[in-house]
Amino acid sequence: MDKHLMASVYELKGQREKAISIYRDILKSNPTDKGAEANLRRIATRKVATKGINNDMLTYFKKSRTKSELYELERWLLGN
């Protein structure tokens, strides 16, 4: 079965993490696959309930692009 189709089926069944995993695998073998990239971005950034979340850190997380930025977020989450 085509990996794109398989990921779509998992997504439709509500198995979001499996779909994300498949799209990541596709991108590992073909980093220029625009369809997999767009679908992964859409699934991974789907609106999640953020009530009670520190909005400054949520914004920081959304804009983080480097390992050092993600490390800083991890330190904040762990209280270090």
PDB file of N, CA and C in Angstrom:
ATOM      1  N   MET A   1       0.857  -1.181   0.000  1.00  0.00           N
ATOM      2  CA  MET A   1       0.000   0.000   0.000  1.00  0.00           C
ATOM      3  C   MET A   1       0.900   1.240   0.000  1.00  0.00           C
ATOM      4  N   ASP A   2       0.514   2.248  -0.737  1.00  0.00           N
ATOM      5  CA  ASP A   2       1.230   3.516  -0.789  1.00  0.00           C
ATOM      6  C   ASP A   2       1.296   4.137   0.608  1.00  0.00           C
ATOM      7  N   LYS A   3       2.472   4.646   0.980  1.00  0.00           N
ATOM      8  CA  LYS A   3       2.641   5.203   2.326  1.00  0.00           C
ATOM      9  C   LYS A   3       1.758   6.422   2.566  1.00  0.00           C
ATOM     10  N   HIS A   4       1.564   7.250   1.545  1.00  0.00           N
ATOM     11  CA  HIS A   4       0.682   8.413   1.697  1.00  0.00           C
ATOM     12  C   HIS A   4      -0.741   7.963   2.002  1.00  0.00           C
ATOM     13  N   LEU A   5      -1.182   6.951   1.292  1.00  0.00           N
ATOM     14  CA  LEU A   5      -2.532   6.428   1.503  1.00  0.00           C
ATOM     15  C   LEU A   5      -2.652   5.828   2.898  1.00  0.00           C
ATOM     16  N   MET A   6      -1.630   5.067   3.303  1.00  0.00           N
ATOM     17  CA  MET A   6      -1.662   4.452   4.621  1.00  0.00           C
ATOM     18  C   MET A   6      -1.734   5.521   5.716  1.00  0.00           C
ATOM     19  N   ALA A   7      -0.946   6.590   5.572  1.00  0.00           N
ATOM     20  CA  ALA A   7      -0.970   7.668   6.562  1.00  0.00           C
ATOM     21  C   ALA A   7      -2.344   8.328   6.601  1.00  0.00           C
ATOM     22  N   SER A   8      -2.945   8.516   5.437  1.00  0.00           N
ATOM     23  CA  SER A   8      -4.284   9.117   5.371  1.00  0.00           C
ATOM     24  C   SER A   8      -5.317   8.249   6.068  1.00  0.00           C
ATOM     25  N   VAL A   9      -5.199   6.941   5.880  1.00  0.00           N
ATOM     26  CA  VAL A   9      -6.134   6.013   6.524  1.00  0.00           C
ATOM     27  C   VAL A   9      -5.987   6.103   8.046  1.00  0.00           C
ATOM     28  N   TYR A  10      -4.738   6.098   8.539  1.00  0.00           N
ATOM     29  CA  TYR A  10      -4.531   6.224   9.984  1.00  0.00           C
ATOM     30  C   TYR A  10      -5.106   7.534  10.506  1.00  0.00           C
ATOM     31  N   GLU A  11      -4.898   8.594   9.752  1.00  0.00           N
ATOM     32  CA  GLU A  11      -5.430   9.886  10.193  1.00  0.00           C
ATOM     33  C   GLU A  11      -6.954   9.862  10.262  1.00  0.00           C
ATOM     34  N   LEU A  12      -7.583   9.297   9.258  1.00  0.00           N
ATOM     35  CA  LEU A  12      -9.047   9.209   9.250  1.00  0.00           C
ATOM     36  C   LEU A  12      -9.575   8.346  10.393  1.00  0.00           C
ATOM     37  N   LYS A  13      -8.800   7.360  10.794  1.00  0.00           N
ATOM     38  CA  LYS A  13      -9.200   6.484  11.897  1.00  0.00           C
ATOM     39  C   LYS A  13      -8.897   7.110  13.255  1.00  0.00           C
ATOM     40  N   GLY A  14      -8.293   8.305  13.240  1.00  0.00           N
ATOM     41  CA  GLY A  14      -7.992   8.980  14.489  1.00  0.00           C
ATOM     42  C   GLY A  14      -6.664   8.570  15.101  1.00  0.00           C
ATOM     43  N   GLN A  15      -5.863   7.846  14.348  1.00  0.00           N
ATOM     44  CA  GLN A  15      -4.562   7.397  14.836  1.00  0.00           C
ATOM     45  C   GLN A  15      -3.473   8.357  14.340  1.00  0.00           C
ATOM     46  N   ARG A  16      -3.544   9.524  14.900  1.00  0.00           N
ATOM     47  CA  ARG A  16      -2.702  10.656  14.489  1.00  0.00           C
ATOM     48  C   ARG A  16      -1.204  10.344  14.593  1.00  0.00           C
ATOM     49  N   GLU A  17      -0.775   9.730  15.678  1.00  0.00           N
ATOM     50  CA  GLU A  17       0.651   9.459  15.887  1.00  0.00           C
ATOM     51  C   GLU A  17       1.206   8.497  14.833  1.00  0.00           C
ATOM     52  N   LYS A  18       0.414   7.524  14.440  1.00  0.00           N
ATOM     53  CA  LYS A  18       0.857   6.594  13.392  1.00  0.00           C
ATOM     54  C   LYS A  18       1.006   7.327  12.064  1.00  0.00           C
ATOM     55  N   ALA A  19       0.053   8.206  11.770  1.00  0.00           N
ATOM     56  CA  ALA A  19       0.124   8.987  10.528  1.00  0.00           C
ATOM     57  C   ALA A  19       1.371   9.873  10.534  1.00  0.00           C
ATOM     58  N   ILE A  20       1.627  10.530  11.650  1.00  0.00           N
ATOM     59  CA  ILE A  20       2.808  11.387  11.769  1.00  0.00           C
ATOM     60  C   ILE A  20       4.077  10.572  11.556  1.00  0.00           C
ATOM     61  N   SER A  21       4.140   9.399  12.147  1.00  0.00           N
ATOM     62  CA  SER A  21       5.307   8.534  12.012  1.00  0.00           C
ATOM     63  C   SER A  21       5.555   8.153  10.549  1.00  0.00           C
ATOM     64  N   ILE A  22       4.497   7.841   9.843  1.00  0.00           N
ATOM     65  CA  ILE A  22       4.628   7.465   8.428  1.00  0.00           C
ATOM     66  C   ILE A  22       5.111   8.651   7.605  1.00  0.00           C
ATOM     67  N   TYR A  23       4.543   9.829   7.824  1.00  0.00           N
ATOM     68  CA  TYR A  23       4.991  11.001   7.074  1.00  0.00           C
ATOM     69  C   TYR A  23       6.453  11.322   7.369  1.00  0.00           C
ATOM     70  N   ARG A  24       6.880  11.128   8.605  1.00  0.00           N
ATOM     71  CA  ARG A  24       8.298  11.345   8.941  1.00  0.00           C
ATOM     72  C   ARG A  24       9.183  10.340   8.219  1.00  0.00           C
ATOM     73  N   ASP A  25       8.734   9.096   8.146  1.00  0.00           N
ATOM     74  CA  ASP A  25       9.494   8.082   7.412  1.00  0.00           C
ATOM     75  C   ASP A  25       9.602   8.440   5.927  1.00  0.00           C
ATOM     76  N   ILE A  26       8.515   8.920   5.364  1.00  0.00           N
ATOM     77  CA  ILE A  26       8.528   9.331   3.962  1.00  0.00           C
ATOM     78  C   ILE A  26       9.567  10.430   3.766  1.00  0.00           C
ATOM     79  N   LEU A  27       9.576  11.404   4.674  1.00  0.00           N
ATOM     80  CA  LEU A  27      10.499  12.526   4.541  1.00  0.00           C
ATOM     81  C   LEU A  27      11.952  12.126   4.785  1.00  0.00           C
ATOM     82  N   LYS A  28      12.180  11.087   5.574  1.00  0.00           N
ATOM     83  CA  LYS A  28      13.553  10.599   5.754  1.00  0.00           C
ATOM     84  C   LYS A  28      14.104  10.067   4.438  1.00  0.00           C
ATOM     85  N   SER A  29      13.278   9.338   3.713  1.00  0.00           N
ATOM     86  CA  SER A  29      13.743   8.757   2.454  1.00  0.00           C
ATOM     87  C   SER A  29      13.626   9.735   1.281  1.00  0.00           C
ATOM     88  N   ASN A  30      12.747  10.719   1.397  1.00  0.00           N
ATOM     89  CA  ASN A  30      12.569  11.691   0.321  1.00  0.00           C
ATOM     90  C   ASN A  30      12.272  13.065   0.929  1.00  0.00           C
ATOM     91  N   PRO A  31      13.310  13.794   1.340  1.00  0.00           N
ATOM     92  CA  PRO A  31      13.125  15.089   2.018  1.00  0.00           C
ATOM     93  C   PRO A  31      12.417  16.158   1.187  1.00  0.00           C
ATOM     94  N   THR A  32      12.300  15.941  -0.112  1.00  0.00           N
ATOM     95  CA  THR A  32      11.651  16.951  -0.966  1.00  0.00           C
ATOM     96  C   THR A  32      10.185  16.639  -1.248  1.00  0.00           C
ATOM     97  N   ASP A  33       9.632  15.639  -0.579  1.00  0.00           N
ATOM     98  CA  ASP A  33       8.227  15.261  -0.792  1.00  0.00           C
ATOM     99  C   ASP A  33       7.323  16.334  -0.179  1.00  0.00           C
ATOM    100  N   LYS A  34       6.850  17.230  -1.012  1.00  0.00           N
ATOM    101  CA  LYS A  34       6.036  18.369  -0.549  1.00  0.00           C
ATOM    102  C   LYS A  34       4.696  17.922   0.039  1.00  0.00           C
ATOM    103  N   GLY A  35       4.120  16.858  -0.501  1.00  0.00           N
ATOM    104  CA  GLY A  35       2.847  16.365   0.024  1.00  0.00           C
ATOM    105  C   GLY A  35       2.991  15.853   1.445  1.00  0.00           C
ATOM    106  N   ALA A  36       4.031  15.059   1.685  1.00  0.00           N
ATOM    107  CA  ALA A  36       4.264  14.534   3.033  1.00  0.00           C
ATOM    108  C   ALA A  36       4.580  15.671   3.993  1.00  0.00           C
ATOM    109  N   GLU A  37       5.372  16.637   3.527  1.00  0.00           N
ATOM    110  CA  GLU A  37       5.718  17.776   4.374  1.00  0.00           C
ATOM    111  C   GLU A  37       4.475  18.576   4.761  1.00  0.00           C
ATOM    112  N   ALA A  38       3.624  18.855   3.783  1.00  0.00           N
ATOM    113  CA  ALA A  38       2.402  19.630   4.051  1.00  0.00           C
ATOM    114  C   ALA A  38       1.460  18.867   4.984  1.00  0.00           C
ATOM    115  N   ASN A  39       1.301  17.566   4.741  1.00  0.00           N
ATOM    116  CA  ASN A  39       0.404  16.772   5.595  1.00  0.00           C
ATOM    117  C   ASN A  39       0.933  16.654   7.008  1.00  0.00           C
ATOM    118  N   LEU A  40       2.243  16.459   7.149  1.00  0.00           N
ATOM    119  CA  LEU A  40       2.838  16.387   8.479  1.00  0.00           C
ATOM    120  C   LEU A  40       2.653  17.704   9.221  1.00  0.00           C
ATOM    121  N   ARG A  41       2.900  18.799   8.539  1.00  0.00           N
ATOM    122  CA  ARG A  41       2.735  20.116   9.162  1.00  0.00           C
ATOM    123  C   ARG A  41       1.278  20.340   9.584  1.00  0.00           C
ATOM    124  N   ARG A  42       0.346  19.939   8.723  1.00  0.00           N
ATOM    125  CA  ARG A  42      -1.081  20.116   9.025  1.00  0.00           C
ATOM    126  C   ARG A  42      -1.489  19.292  10.243  1.00  0.00           C
ATOM    127  N   ILE A  43      -1.078  18.037  10.267  1.00  0.00           N
ATOM    128  CA  ILE A  43      -1.450  17.157  11.385  1.00  0.00           C
ATOM    129  C   ILE A  43      -0.777  17.602  12.675  1.00  0.00           C
ATOM    130  N   ALA A  44       0.512  17.883  12.585  1.00  0.00           N
ATOM    131  CA  ALA A  44       1.281  18.211  13.790  1.00  0.00           C
ATOM    132  C   ALA A  44       0.877  19.542  14.404  1.00  0.00           C
ATOM    133  N   THR A  45       0.340  20.446  13.610  1.00  0.00           N
ATOM    134  CA  THR A  45      -0.031  21.761  14.140  1.00  0.00           C
ATOM    135  C   THR A  45      -1.531  21.916  14.327  1.00  0.00           C
ATOM    136  N   ARG A  46      -2.240  20.808  14.233  1.00  0.00           N
ATOM    137  CA  ARG A  46      -3.687  20.852  14.444  1.00  0.00           C
ATOM    138  C   ARG A  46      -3.980  21.467  15.800  1.00  0.00           C
ATOM    139  N   LYS A  47      -5.001  22.249  15.858  1.00  0.00           N
ATOM    140  CA  LYS A  47      -5.353  22.964  17.082  1.00  0.00           C
ATOM    141  C   LYS A  47      -5.554  21.999  18.245  1.00  0.00           C
ATOM    142  N   VAL A  48      -4.895  22.307  19.317  1.00  0.00           N
ATOM    143  CA  VAL A  48      -4.985  21.517  20.541  1.00  0.00           C
ATOM    144  C   VAL A  48      -5.495  22.439  21.640  1.00  0.00           C
ATOM    145  N   ALA A  49      -6.253  21.911  22.566  1.00  0.00           N
ATOM    146  CA  ALA A  49      -6.750  22.721  23.667  1.00  0.00           C
ATOM    147  C   ALA A  49      -5.573  23.304  24.442  1.00  0.00           C
ATOM    148  N   THR A  50      -5.548  24.616  24.574  1.00  0.00           N
ATOM    149  CA  THR A  50      -4.414  25.281  25.232  1.00  0.00           C
ATOM    150  C   THR A  50      -4.842  26.028  26.485  1.00  0.00           C
ATOM    151  N   LYS A  51      -6.018  25.726  26.997  1.00  0.00           N
ATOM    152  CA  LYS A  51      -6.482  26.392  28.204  1.00  0.00           C
ATOM    153  C   LYS A  51      -5.516  26.100  29.353  1.00  0.00           C
ATOM    154  N   GLY A  52      -5.083  27.147  30.017  1.00  0.00           N
ATOM    155  CA  GLY A  52      -4.191  26.993  31.143  1.00  0.00           C
ATOM    156  C   GLY A  52      -2.717  26.919  30.780  1.00  0.00           C
ATOM    157  N   ILE A  53      -2.402  27.026  29.501  1.00  0.00           N
ATOM    158  CA  ILE A  53      -1.004  26.966  29.064  1.00  0.00           C
ATOM    159  C   ILE A  53      -0.421  28.380  29.056  1.00  0.00           C
ATOM    160  N   ASN A  54       0.832  28.487  29.446  1.00  0.00           N
ATOM    161  CA  ASN A  54       1.539  29.758  29.396  1.00  0.00           C
ATOM    162  C   ASN A  54       1.646  30.179  27.931  1.00  0.00           C
ATOM    163  N   ASN A  55       0.933  31.216  27.535  1.00  0.00           N
ATOM    164  CA  ASN A  55       0.884  31.628  26.134  1.00  0.00           C
ATOM    165  C   ASN A  55       2.221  32.106  25.593  1.00  0.00           C
ATOM    166  N   ASP A  56       3.055  32.709  26.445  1.00  0.00           N
ATOM    167  CA  ASP A  56       4.383  33.123  25.984  1.00  0.00           C
ATOM    168  C   ASP A  56       5.211  31.905  25.585  1.00  0.00           C
ATOM    169  N   MET A  57       5.170  30.861  26.399  1.00  0.00           N
ATOM    170  CA  MET A  57       5.932  29.660  26.081  1.00  0.00           C
ATOM    171  C   MET A  57       5.313  28.898  24.914  1.00  0.00           C
ATOM    172  N   LEU A  58       4.008  28.942  24.773  1.00  0.00           N
ATOM    173  CA  LEU A  58       3.364  28.317  23.627  1.00  0.00           C
ATOM    174  C   LEU A  58       3.829  29.000  22.343  1.00  0.00           C
ATOM    175  N   THR A  59       3.868  30.313  22.340  1.00  0.00           N
ATOM    176  CA  THR A  59       4.348  31.064  21.176  1.00  0.00           C
ATOM    177  C   THR A  59       5.814  30.731  20.910  1.00  0.00           C
ATOM    178  N   TYR A  60       6.627  30.678  21.961  1.00  0.00           N
ATOM    179  CA  TYR A  60       8.041  30.336  21.822  1.00  0.00           C
ATOM    180  C   TYR A  60       8.193  28.948  21.193  1.00  0.00           C
ATOM    181  N   PHE A  61       7.384  28.001  21.657  1.00  0.00           N
ATOM    182  CA  PHE A  61       7.426  26.639  21.118  1.00  0.00           C
ATOM    183  C   PHE A  61       7.088  26.632  19.631  1.00  0.00           C
ATOM    184  N   LYS A  62       6.048  27.336  19.255  1.00  0.00           N
ATOM    185  CA  LYS A  62       5.619  27.358  17.857  1.00  0.00           C
ATOM    186  C   LYS A  62       6.673  27.964  16.944  1.00  0.00           C
ATOM    187  N   LYS A  63       7.447  28.917  17.475  1.00  0.00           N
ATOM    188  CA  LYS A  63       8.450  29.595  16.661  1.00  0.00           C
ATOM    189  C   LYS A  63       9.833  28.940  16.749  1.00  0.00           C
ATOM    190  N   SER A  64      10.013  27.982  17.645  1.00  0.00           N
ATOM    191  CA  SER A  64      11.314  27.335  17.825  1.00  0.00           C
ATOM    192  C   SER A  64      11.700  26.579  16.563  1.00  0.00           C
ATOM    193  N   ARG A  65      12.956  26.771  16.149  1.00  0.00           N
ATOM    194  CA  ARG A  65      13.447  26.095  14.951  1.00  0.00           C
ATOM    195  C   ARG A  65      14.776  25.382  15.189  1.00  0.00           C
ATOM    196  N   THR A  66      15.521  25.804  16.188  1.00  0.00           N
ATOM    197  CA  THR A  66      16.839  25.218  16.412  1.00  0.00           C
ATOM    198  C   THR A  66      16.827  24.312  17.637  1.00  0.00           C
ATOM    199  N   LYS A  67      17.845  23.466  17.717  1.00  0.00           N
ATOM    200  CA  LYS A  67      17.968  22.575  18.869  1.00  0.00           C
ATOM    201  C   LYS A  67      18.152  23.373  20.151  1.00  0.00           C
ATOM    202  N   SER A  68      18.883  24.473  20.072  1.00  0.00           N
ATOM    203  CA  SER A  68      19.116  25.264  21.284  1.00  0.00           C
ATOM    204  C   SER A  68      17.820  25.901  21.781  1.00  0.00           C
ATOM    205  N   GLU A  69      16.960  26.320  20.869  1.00  0.00           N
ATOM    206  CA  GLU A  69      15.664  26.882  21.280  1.00  0.00           C
ATOM    207  C   GLU A  69      14.795  25.800  21.926  1.00  0.00           C
ATOM    208  N   LEU A  70      14.806  24.614  21.354  1.00  0.00           N
ATOM    209  CA  LEU A  70      14.026  23.518  21.930  1.00  0.00           C
ATOM    210  C   LEU A  70      14.615  23.076  23.265  1.00  0.00           C
ATOM    211  N   TYR A  71      15.931  23.140  23.385  1.00  0.00           N
ATOM    212  CA  TYR A  71      16.571  22.821  24.664  1.00  0.00           C
ATOM    213  C   TYR A  71      16.137  23.826  25.736  1.00  0.00           C
ATOM    214  N   GLU A  72      16.080  25.086  25.366  1.00  0.00           N
ATOM    215  CA  GLU A  72      15.646  26.129  26.301  1.00  0.00           C
ATOM    216  C   GLU A  72      14.202  25.873  26.744  1.00  0.00           C
ATOM    217  N   LEU A  73      13.353  25.489  25.827  1.00  0.00           N
ATOM    218  CA  LEU A  73      11.970  25.157  26.161  1.00  0.00           C
ATOM    219  C   LEU A  73      11.925  23.952  27.098  1.00  0.00           C
ATOM    220  N   GLU A  74      12.725  22.938  26.810  1.00  0.00           N
ATOM    221  CA  GLU A  74      12.780  21.761  27.668  1.00  0.00           C
ATOM    222  C   GLU A  74      13.218  22.136  29.085  1.00  0.00           C
ATOM    223  N   ARG A  75      14.223  22.989  29.201  1.00  0.00           N
ATOM    224  CA  ARG A  75      14.684  23.446  30.510  1.00  0.00           C
ATOM    225  C   ARG A  75      13.557  24.141  31.259  1.00  0.00           C
ATOM    226  N   TRP A  76      12.798  24.969  30.548  1.00  0.00           N
ATOM    227  CA  TRP A  76      11.682  25.681  31.179  1.00  0.00           C
ATOM    228  C   TRP A  76      10.620  24.670  31.654  1.00  0.00           C
ATOM    229  N   LEU A  77      10.305  23.693  30.803  1.00  0.00           N
ATOM    230  CA  LEU A  77       9.293  22.702  31.168  1.00  0.00           C
ATOM    231  C   LEU A  77       9.699  21.891  32.397  1.00  0.00           C
ATOM    232  N   LEU A  78      10.987  21.597  32.497  1.00  0.00           N
ATOM    233  CA  LEU A  78      11.491  20.790  33.606  1.00  0.00           C
ATOM    234  C   LEU A  78      11.786  21.631  34.837  1.00  0.00           C
ATOM    235  N   GLY A  79      11.684  22.957  34.695  1.00  0.00           N
ATOM    236  CA  GLY A  79      11.904  23.840  35.831  1.00  0.00           C
ATOM    237  C   GLY A  79      13.364  24.018  36.185  1.00  0.00           C
ATOM    238  N   ASN A  80      14.237  23.873  35.198  1.00  0.00           N
ATOM    239  CA  ASN A  80      15.691  24.022  35.449  1.00  0.00           C
ATOM    240  C   ASN A  80      16.193  25.360  34.985  1.00  0.00           C
TER     241      ASN A  80
END
